Protein backbone atom coordinates (compact mmCIF):
# COMPACT_ATOMS: atom_id res chain seq x y z
CA MET A 1 0.00 0.00 0.00
CA PRO A 2 1.78 3.19 -1.15
CA ILE A 3 1.33 6.07 1.27
CA LYS A 4 -0.64 7.94 -1.41
CA ASN A 5 -3.27 5.23 -1.00
CA CYS A 6 -3.44 5.62 2.78
CA ASN A 7 -6.75 7.37 3.27
CA ASN A 8 -6.94 7.39 7.06
CA ILE A 9 -4.87 6.74 10.17
CA GLY A 10 -5.97 3.11 10.21
CA ASP A 11 -4.35 2.61 6.81
CA PHE A 12 -1.13 4.14 8.10
CA ARG A 13 -1.20 1.86 11.14
CA VAL A 14 -1.40 -1.18 8.87
CA ARG A 15 1.54 0.04 6.79
CA ALA A 16 3.56 0.89 9.93
CA LYS A 17 2.98 -2.62 11.28
CA ARG A 18 4.41 -4.05 8.06
CA ALA A 19 7.38 -1.68 8.08
CA LEU A 20 8.50 -2.18 11.68
CA PRO A 21 9.91 -5.17 13.53
CA SER A 22 7.49 -6.49 16.11
CA PRO A 23 9.16 -4.98 19.22
CA MET A 24 9.20 -1.48 17.73
CA PHE A 25 5.65 -1.63 16.42
CA HIS A 26 4.21 -2.85 19.70
CA TYR A 27 6.19 -0.26 21.64
CA LEU A 28 4.53 2.39 19.47
CA ASP A 29 1.09 0.80 19.33
CA GLY A 30 0.67 -0.52 22.90
CA GLY A 31 -0.72 0.81 26.12
CA ALA A 32 -0.76 -0.04 29.81
CA ASP A 33 -2.34 -3.09 31.49
CA ASP A 34 -5.52 -4.12 29.62
CA GLU A 35 -5.18 -1.16 27.24
CA TRP A 36 -8.74 -0.09 28.05
CA THR A 37 -7.85 3.56 28.42
CA MET A 38 -5.90 3.55 25.16
CA GLY A 39 -8.88 2.18 23.25
CA ASN A 40 -11.37 4.39 25.06
CA ASN A 41 -9.42 7.53 24.13
CA SER A 42 -10.60 7.14 20.53
CA SER A 43 -13.93 5.41 20.99
CA ALA A 44 -15.08 8.12 23.42
CA PHE A 45 -15.37 10.51 20.48
CA ASP A 46 -18.21 8.30 19.24
CA GLY A 47 -20.20 9.37 22.28
CA TYR A 48 -20.73 12.81 20.74
CA GLU A 49 -22.80 13.83 17.73
CA LEU A 50 -22.25 16.88 15.57
CA LEU A 51 -25.16 19.22 14.86
CA PRO A 52 -24.69 21.05 11.54
CA SER A 53 -26.11 24.43 10.57
CA ALA A 54 -27.71 24.41 7.11
CA LEU A 55 -27.73 26.96 4.27
CA VAL A 56 -24.54 28.75 5.29
CA ASP A 57 -22.14 30.17 2.72
CA VAL A 58 -19.08 27.93 3.18
CA SER A 59 -17.26 28.89 0.00
CA SER A 60 -14.39 30.18 2.13
CA ILE A 61 -13.14 28.28 5.22
CA ASP A 62 -10.58 29.77 7.60
CA THR A 63 -8.88 27.19 9.84
CA LYS A 64 -6.11 29.44 11.18
CA THR A 65 -5.60 29.90 14.91
CA THR A 66 -3.12 31.03 17.54
CA LEU A 67 -1.91 28.65 20.25
CA PHE A 68 0.65 29.39 22.98
CA GLY A 69 1.08 32.74 21.29
CA GLN A 70 2.07 31.18 17.96
CA PRO A 71 0.10 31.34 14.69
CA MET A 72 -0.82 27.94 13.25
CA ALA A 73 -2.62 26.77 10.14
CA MET A 74 -5.18 24.81 12.18
CA PRO A 75 -5.81 23.85 15.82
CA LEU A 76 -3.58 20.78 15.77
CA PHE A 77 0.02 20.18 16.74
CA LEU A 78 2.42 17.27 17.07
CA SER A 79 2.94 15.94 20.59
CA PRO A 80 6.39 15.14 21.98
CA THR A 81 7.33 11.49 21.53
CA GLY A 82 10.32 9.61 22.87
CA GLY A 83 12.56 7.19 20.95
CA THR A 84 11.39 8.45 17.54
CA GLN A 85 14.44 7.08 15.74
CA MET A 86 13.19 3.56 16.50
CA PHE A 87 10.45 4.07 13.93
CA HIS A 88 12.41 5.68 11.08
CA SER A 89 15.94 6.90 10.47
CA GLY A 90 14.56 10.38 9.76
CA LYS A 91 13.63 10.60 13.47
CA GLU A 92 12.39 13.94 14.87
CA LEU A 93 14.01 15.96 12.08
CA ALA A 94 11.62 14.53 9.49
CA VAL A 95 8.72 15.30 11.81
CA ALA A 96 9.88 18.88 12.38
CA ARG A 97 10.16 19.59 8.64
CA ALA A 98 6.76 18.09 7.83
CA ALA A 99 5.10 20.05 10.62
CA ALA A 100 6.68 23.33 9.52
CA ASP A 101 5.57 22.75 5.92
CA ALA A 102 2.01 22.22 7.19
CA GLY A 103 2.14 25.39 9.31
CA LEU A 104 1.87 23.42 12.56
CA MET A 105 3.83 23.25 15.80
CA ALA A 106 6.24 20.36 16.37
CA SER A 107 7.50 19.14 19.73
CA LEU A 108 10.71 17.59 20.99
CA SER A 109 10.74 15.29 24.00
CA THR A 110 13.43 15.28 26.67
CA VAL A 111 13.91 11.60 25.76
CA GLY A 112 13.86 12.27 22.03
CA THR A 113 16.59 11.01 19.74
CA THR A 114 17.61 14.43 18.42
CA LYS A 115 19.55 17.17 20.19
CA ILE A 116 17.64 20.27 21.27
CA GLU A 117 19.75 22.51 19.04
CA GLU A 118 19.56 20.29 15.96
CA PHE A 119 15.78 20.02 16.16
CA ALA A 120 15.46 23.79 16.48
CA ALA A 121 17.66 24.29 13.43
CA HIS A 122 15.43 22.01 11.32
CA SER A 123 12.14 23.40 12.61
CA LYS A 124 11.19 26.47 10.61
CA GLY A 125 7.80 26.64 12.32
CA PRO A 126 6.71 27.04 15.94
CA LYS A 127 8.32 24.53 18.30
CA LEU A 128 7.77 23.22 21.82
CA PHE A 129 10.18 21.48 24.16
CA GLN A 130 8.76 18.86 26.54
CA LEU A 131 10.45 18.57 29.93
CA TYR A 132 10.81 15.61 32.24
CA VAL A 133 12.20 16.55 35.66
CA PHE A 134 15.18 14.56 36.82
CA LYS A 135 16.33 14.06 40.37
CA ASP A 136 19.52 15.84 39.37
CA SER A 137 18.40 19.47 39.22
CA GLY A 138 21.51 20.38 37.26
CA LEU A 139 20.33 18.32 34.30
CA THR A 140 16.82 19.77 34.46
CA ASN A 141 18.12 23.34 34.58
CA ASP A 142 20.51 22.63 31.72
CA LEU A 143 17.65 21.37 29.52
CA ILE A 144 15.59 24.50 30.20
CA SER A 145 18.54 26.78 29.45
CA ARG A 146 19.34 24.98 26.20
CA ALA A 147 15.70 25.19 25.05
CA LYS A 148 15.74 28.93 25.77
CA LEU A 149 18.94 29.52 23.84
CA ALA A 150 17.69 27.44 20.91
CA GLY A 151 14.58 29.61 20.59
CA TYR A 152 11.78 27.22 21.53
CA ASP A 153 8.42 28.98 21.68
CA ALA A 154 6.94 27.04 24.60
CA LEU A 155 7.91 24.66 27.39
CA CYS A 156 5.72 21.69 28.32
CA LEU A 157 6.09 19.88 31.65
CA THR A 158 4.83 16.28 31.69
CA VAL A 159 3.44 15.29 35.10
CA ASP A 160 1.85 11.85 34.64
CA THR A 161 4.99 9.70 34.81
CA PRO A 162 6.04 9.39 38.47
CA VAL A 163 6.53 5.73 37.62
CA GLY A 164 6.36 3.91 34.30
CA GLY A 165 3.12 2.31 33.19
CA ASN A 166 2.76 -1.46 32.96
CA ARG A 167 3.15 -1.99 29.23
CA GLU A 168 2.78 -5.72 28.87
CA ARG A 169 3.41 -5.83 25.14
CA ASP A 170 6.97 -4.68 25.85
CA LEU A 171 7.39 -7.47 28.39
CA VAL A 172 6.39 -9.99 25.72
CA THR A 173 8.70 -8.61 23.00
CA GLY A 174 11.63 -7.80 25.31
CA MET A 175 11.43 -4.07 24.58
CA SER A 176 12.98 -3.11 27.90
CA VAL A 177 15.99 -1.06 29.01
CA PRO A 178 18.32 -2.61 28.05
CA PRO A 179 16.45 -4.66 25.42
CA ARG A 180 16.02 -8.37 26.14
CA PHE A 181 14.64 -9.49 22.81
CA THR A 182 13.03 -12.88 22.52
CA PRO A 183 13.96 -15.26 19.65
CA ALA A 184 10.70 -14.26 17.95
CA SER A 185 11.60 -10.59 18.27
CA LEU A 186 15.07 -11.14 16.84
CA PHE A 187 13.55 -13.07 13.93
CA SER A 188 11.15 -10.19 13.28
CA ILE A 189 14.04 -7.73 13.23
CA ALA A 190 15.94 -9.94 10.76
CA MET A 191 12.88 -10.05 8.52
CA HIS A 192 12.86 -6.26 8.20
CA PRO A 193 16.13 -5.52 6.38
CA LYS A 194 15.01 -2.06 5.24
CA TRP A 195 14.49 -1.03 8.87
CA VAL A 196 17.84 -2.58 9.87
CA LEU A 197 19.64 -0.74 7.06
CA GLY A 198 18.06 2.53 8.14
CA LYS A 199 19.20 1.96 11.69
CA ILE A 200 22.73 1.23 10.54
CA ARG A 201 22.80 4.43 8.51
CA SER A 202 21.34 6.61 11.26
CA GLY A 203 23.54 5.21 14.03
CA LYS A 204 22.87 4.13 17.59
CA ILE A 205 19.50 5.08 19.05
CA ARG A 206 20.25 7.43 21.93
CA MET A 207 18.28 9.84 24.09
CA GLU A 208 20.56 12.55 22.75
CA ASN A 209 19.83 15.26 25.30
CA VAL A 210 20.38 13.16 28.40
CA ALA A 211 22.44 10.13 27.31
CA ASP A 212 25.89 11.51 28.13
CA TRP A 213 24.71 12.78 31.52
CA ILE A 214 23.02 9.49 32.38
CA GLU A 215 25.99 7.40 31.32
CA SER A 216 28.43 9.50 33.33
CA LYS A 217 26.24 9.41 36.44
CA ALA A 218 25.67 5.70 36.10
CA LYS A 219 29.40 5.04 35.76
CA ALA A 220 30.18 7.24 38.76
CA GLY A 221 27.59 5.37 40.80
CA GLY A 222 29.05 2.01 39.96
CA GLY A 223 25.88 0.80 38.22
CA GLY A 224 24.80 0.47 34.65
CA ALA A 225 23.04 3.10 32.60
CA ALA A 226 19.85 1.03 32.68
CA ALA A 227 19.82 1.09 36.48
CA TYR A 228 20.20 4.86 36.46
CA ILE A 229 17.47 5.26 33.85
CA ASP A 230 15.08 3.20 36.00
CA ALA A 231 15.31 5.91 38.66
CA ARG A 232 15.73 8.88 36.35
CA PHE A 233 12.58 10.91 37.06
CA ASP A 234 11.95 12.90 40.22
CA GLN A 235 9.05 11.21 42.01
CA SER A 236 8.90 14.01 44.58
CA LEU A 237 7.77 16.60 41.99
CA THR A 238 5.13 18.98 43.40
CA TRP A 239 3.11 22.03 42.34
CA GLU A 240 5.74 24.24 43.93
CA ASP A 241 8.35 22.69 41.61
CA ALA A 242 6.07 23.36 38.64
CA ARG A 243 5.77 26.99 39.73
CA LYS A 244 9.56 27.35 39.91
CA ILE A 245 9.98 25.83 36.45
CA ALA A 246 7.39 28.25 35.03
CA GLN A 247 9.30 31.16 36.56
CA GLU A 248 12.63 29.87 35.30
CA TRP A 249 11.28 29.44 31.78
CA GLY A 250 9.57 32.83 31.64
CA GLY A 251 7.50 32.12 28.54
CA PRO A 252 4.44 30.12 27.49
CA PHE A 253 4.32 27.19 29.92
CA ILE A 254 2.08 24.16 29.46
CA ILE A 255 1.44 21.24 31.81
CA LYS A 256 0.75 17.90 30.14
CA GLY A 257 -1.04 15.08 31.91
CA ILE A 258 -3.88 17.01 33.56
CA MET A 259 -7.14 15.05 33.86
CA THR A 260 -9.31 16.85 36.43
CA PRO A 261 -10.78 20.33 36.88
CA ALA A 262 -9.05 20.69 40.26
CA ASP A 263 -5.62 19.99 38.77
CA ALA A 264 -6.30 22.37 35.87
CA ILE A 265 -6.91 25.14 38.39
CA ARG A 266 -3.71 24.21 40.24
CA ALA A 267 -1.82 24.28 36.93
CA ARG A 268 -3.11 27.76 36.18
CA ASP A 269 -2.17 28.94 39.67
CA ALA A 270 1.32 27.49 39.17
CA GLY A 271 1.84 29.67 36.09
CA ALA A 272 0.63 27.48 33.22
CA CYS A 273 -1.04 29.24 30.31
CA ALA A 274 -2.41 25.95 29.04
CA VAL A 275 -2.91 22.32 29.93
CA MET A 276 -2.79 19.25 27.77
CA ILE A 277 -5.68 17.06 28.91
CA SER A 278 -3.86 13.76 28.57
CA ASN A 279 -3.49 10.27 29.99
CA HIS A 280 -0.25 9.69 28.09
CA GLY A 281 -2.04 7.91 25.27
CA GLY A 282 -3.25 5.20 27.64
CA ARG A 283 0.36 4.24 28.42
CA GLN A 284 0.32 5.10 32.12
CA LEU A 285 -2.82 4.77 34.30
CA ASP A 286 -5.23 2.26 32.80
CA GLY A 287 -8.76 3.15 33.84
CA ALA A 288 -8.35 6.89 33.39
CA PRO A 289 -11.11 8.70 31.44
CA ALA A 290 -10.72 9.79 27.84
CA PRO A 291 -9.41 13.36 27.44
CA ILE A 292 -12.38 14.34 25.25
CA ASP A 293 -14.74 13.53 28.13
CA MET A 294 -12.88 15.92 30.46
CA VAL A 295 -12.92 18.99 28.21
CA ALA A 296 -16.30 20.39 29.28
CA PRO A 297 -15.81 20.03 33.06
CA ILE A 298 -12.30 21.48 32.89
CA ARG A 299 -13.47 24.41 30.74
CA ASP A 300 -16.27 25.07 33.22
CA ALA A 301 -13.67 25.15 36.02
CA VAL A 302 -11.10 27.45 34.40
CA GLY A 303 -13.33 29.59 32.22
CA ASP A 304 -11.38 31.49 29.58
CA SER A 305 -8.27 31.81 31.75
CA MET A 306 -6.19 29.19 29.92
CA GLU A 307 -5.94 27.18 26.71
CA LEU A 308 -7.02 23.54 26.69
CA VAL A 309 -5.55 20.86 24.41
CA VAL A 310 -7.07 17.39 23.88
CA ASP A 311 -4.17 14.94 23.72
CA GLY A 312 -5.21 11.34 23.11
CA GLY A 313 -7.35 9.36 20.70
CA VAL A 314 -7.54 12.00 17.93
CA ARG A 315 -7.78 10.11 14.66
CA ARG A 316 -10.02 12.26 12.44
CA GLY A 317 -10.50 15.88 11.54
CA ALA A 318 -14.02 15.58 12.90
CA HIS A 319 -12.53 14.71 16.29
CA ILE A 320 -10.88 18.13 16.36
CA VAL A 321 -14.22 19.80 15.61
CA LYS A 322 -15.85 17.86 18.46
CA ALA A 323 -13.07 18.91 20.85
CA LEU A 324 -13.46 22.57 19.91
CA ALA A 325 -17.24 22.42 20.23
CA LEU A 326 -16.83 21.09 23.78
CA GLY A 327 -14.50 23.94 24.75
CA ALA A 328 -10.97 22.93 23.71
CA ASP A 329 -8.63 25.27 21.86
CA ALA A 330 -6.74 22.59 19.98
CA CYS A 331 -5.81 18.93 19.76
CA SER A 332 -2.47 17.15 19.57
CA ILE A 333 -1.47 13.83 18.04
CA GLY A 334 1.27 11.29 18.75
CA ARG A 335 0.67 7.82 17.32
CA PRO A 336 -0.91 9.09 14.07
CA PHE A 337 2.17 10.96 12.89
CA LEU A 338 4.46 8.17 14.14
CA TYR A 339 2.50 5.67 12.04
CA GLY A 340 3.09 8.02 9.13
CA LEU A 341 6.79 8.30 9.94
CA ALA A 342 7.20 4.52 10.15
CA ALA A 343 5.24 4.05 6.93
CA GLY A 344 6.97 6.63 4.79
CA GLY A 345 9.37 8.90 6.64
CA GLU A 346 8.87 12.63 6.19
CA ALA A 347 6.48 12.07 3.28
CA GLY A 348 4.39 9.80 5.51
CA VAL A 349 4.13 12.45 8.21
CA ALA A 350 3.23 15.05 5.60
CA ARG A 351 0.49 12.81 4.21
CA VAL A 352 -0.96 12.28 7.71
CA LEU A 353 -1.07 16.03 8.31
CA ARG A 354 -2.69 16.65 4.93
CA LEU A 355 -5.41 14.13 5.77
CA PHE A 356 -6.13 15.87 9.07
CA THR A 357 -6.18 19.27 7.34
CA GLU A 358 -8.53 18.12 4.60
CA GLU A 359 -10.85 16.30 7.02
CA PHE A 360 -10.98 19.25 9.41
CA GLU A 361 -11.78 21.76 6.67
CA ARG A 362 -14.38 19.44 5.14
CA THR A 363 -16.06 18.87 8.51
CA MET A 364 -16.19 22.62 9.15
CA ALA A 365 -17.89 23.14 5.78
CA LEU A 366 -20.40 20.38 6.44
CA MET A 367 -21.06 21.89 9.86
CA GLY A 368 -21.77 25.32 8.37
CA CYS A 369 -18.79 26.89 10.19
CA THR A 370 -16.46 29.16 8.25
CA ASN A 371 -14.02 29.96 11.07
CA LEU A 372 -13.09 28.50 14.44
CA ALA A 373 -14.99 31.12 16.44
CA GLN A 374 -18.23 29.78 15.01
CA ILE A 375 -17.70 26.28 16.41
CA SER A 376 -19.55 26.14 19.72
CA ALA A 377 -21.58 24.03 22.11
CA LYS A 378 -24.65 24.40 19.91
CA HIS A 379 -22.93 22.14 17.38
CA ILE A 380 -22.55 19.09 19.61
CA GLN A 381 -24.60 16.80 21.80
CA ARG A 382 -24.12 13.62 23.80
CA ARG A 383 -25.14 10.58 21.82
CA ILE A 384 -28.26 8.92 23.16
CA ALA A 385 -27.60 5.21 23.63
């Protein structure tokens, strides 16, 4: 299936599964425990129906918006994802270029496989740096300083990973740190020579912004890098720490991993201009609600005092319209663009973003909305079972 024949995210998922060895695909595709939350993130959108307005002149549709102070072509951006080089040798650089060409914001994760400065140089559009807080404050401060110097437009603090989720697919395939691949996994890798060749050409997969620090600390402590990584994040992180990070950054500050109205208020009080309503794509706490179901109560709690982003389960342009109608300002995607990357590199990511753009604009026209301000609560209702 050529990527030009991929007509939706499901098609890209099928192609990504063919392109990737089993351990890498299941690392990308899997969630925590029974994967209920991961599945519910998308299926929850089906619980809402769109109510179109008829006989509206929709000959001109304007999808442009501003998010975190940055102009964007539509209310969608690319979430930070770790280990991107596992899925394609183009890694985050291919993603950054495709996002910029589409007029959208791209994000780099602390545990990405591209250096902060290199990503910034390749991203001609708006860019966000996602921060994990390490127990070593020197490393955390260094990451913030480097993102500032490199000209990132926003900083995003992820708060839903005090411990890693129970991702059982990875236990089956041996996708651990360090990897402990099973014979079946090794056979799958051998059966994907194109992926192997790409990995050889692109070099060792490393968390480029923290690898040297982790390796030096692990060596000094007398343990392996894997042991240090297991205890890498600061489990004592509090709202006061978030407030200090916001002050240190001094620019648009977003907190990712917020799932309740009370925490959204705390995030605002800590200095966040926005929250990403997110359960980490169902990869952390299984049993958490879908982000789309939390938009309305969180908007009721914070009013117009901050921007809200739906992060999780977004697979169609119509999903973005539903999120906006419920009170969100934008959506973000992770797996969809990674499926595109695995399927076709930069061109695959670009095709995914074009599909979202076309679907979003088409849905707006069918809804009788010519700009984002017109999308409101009157256009959506809970589906009656």
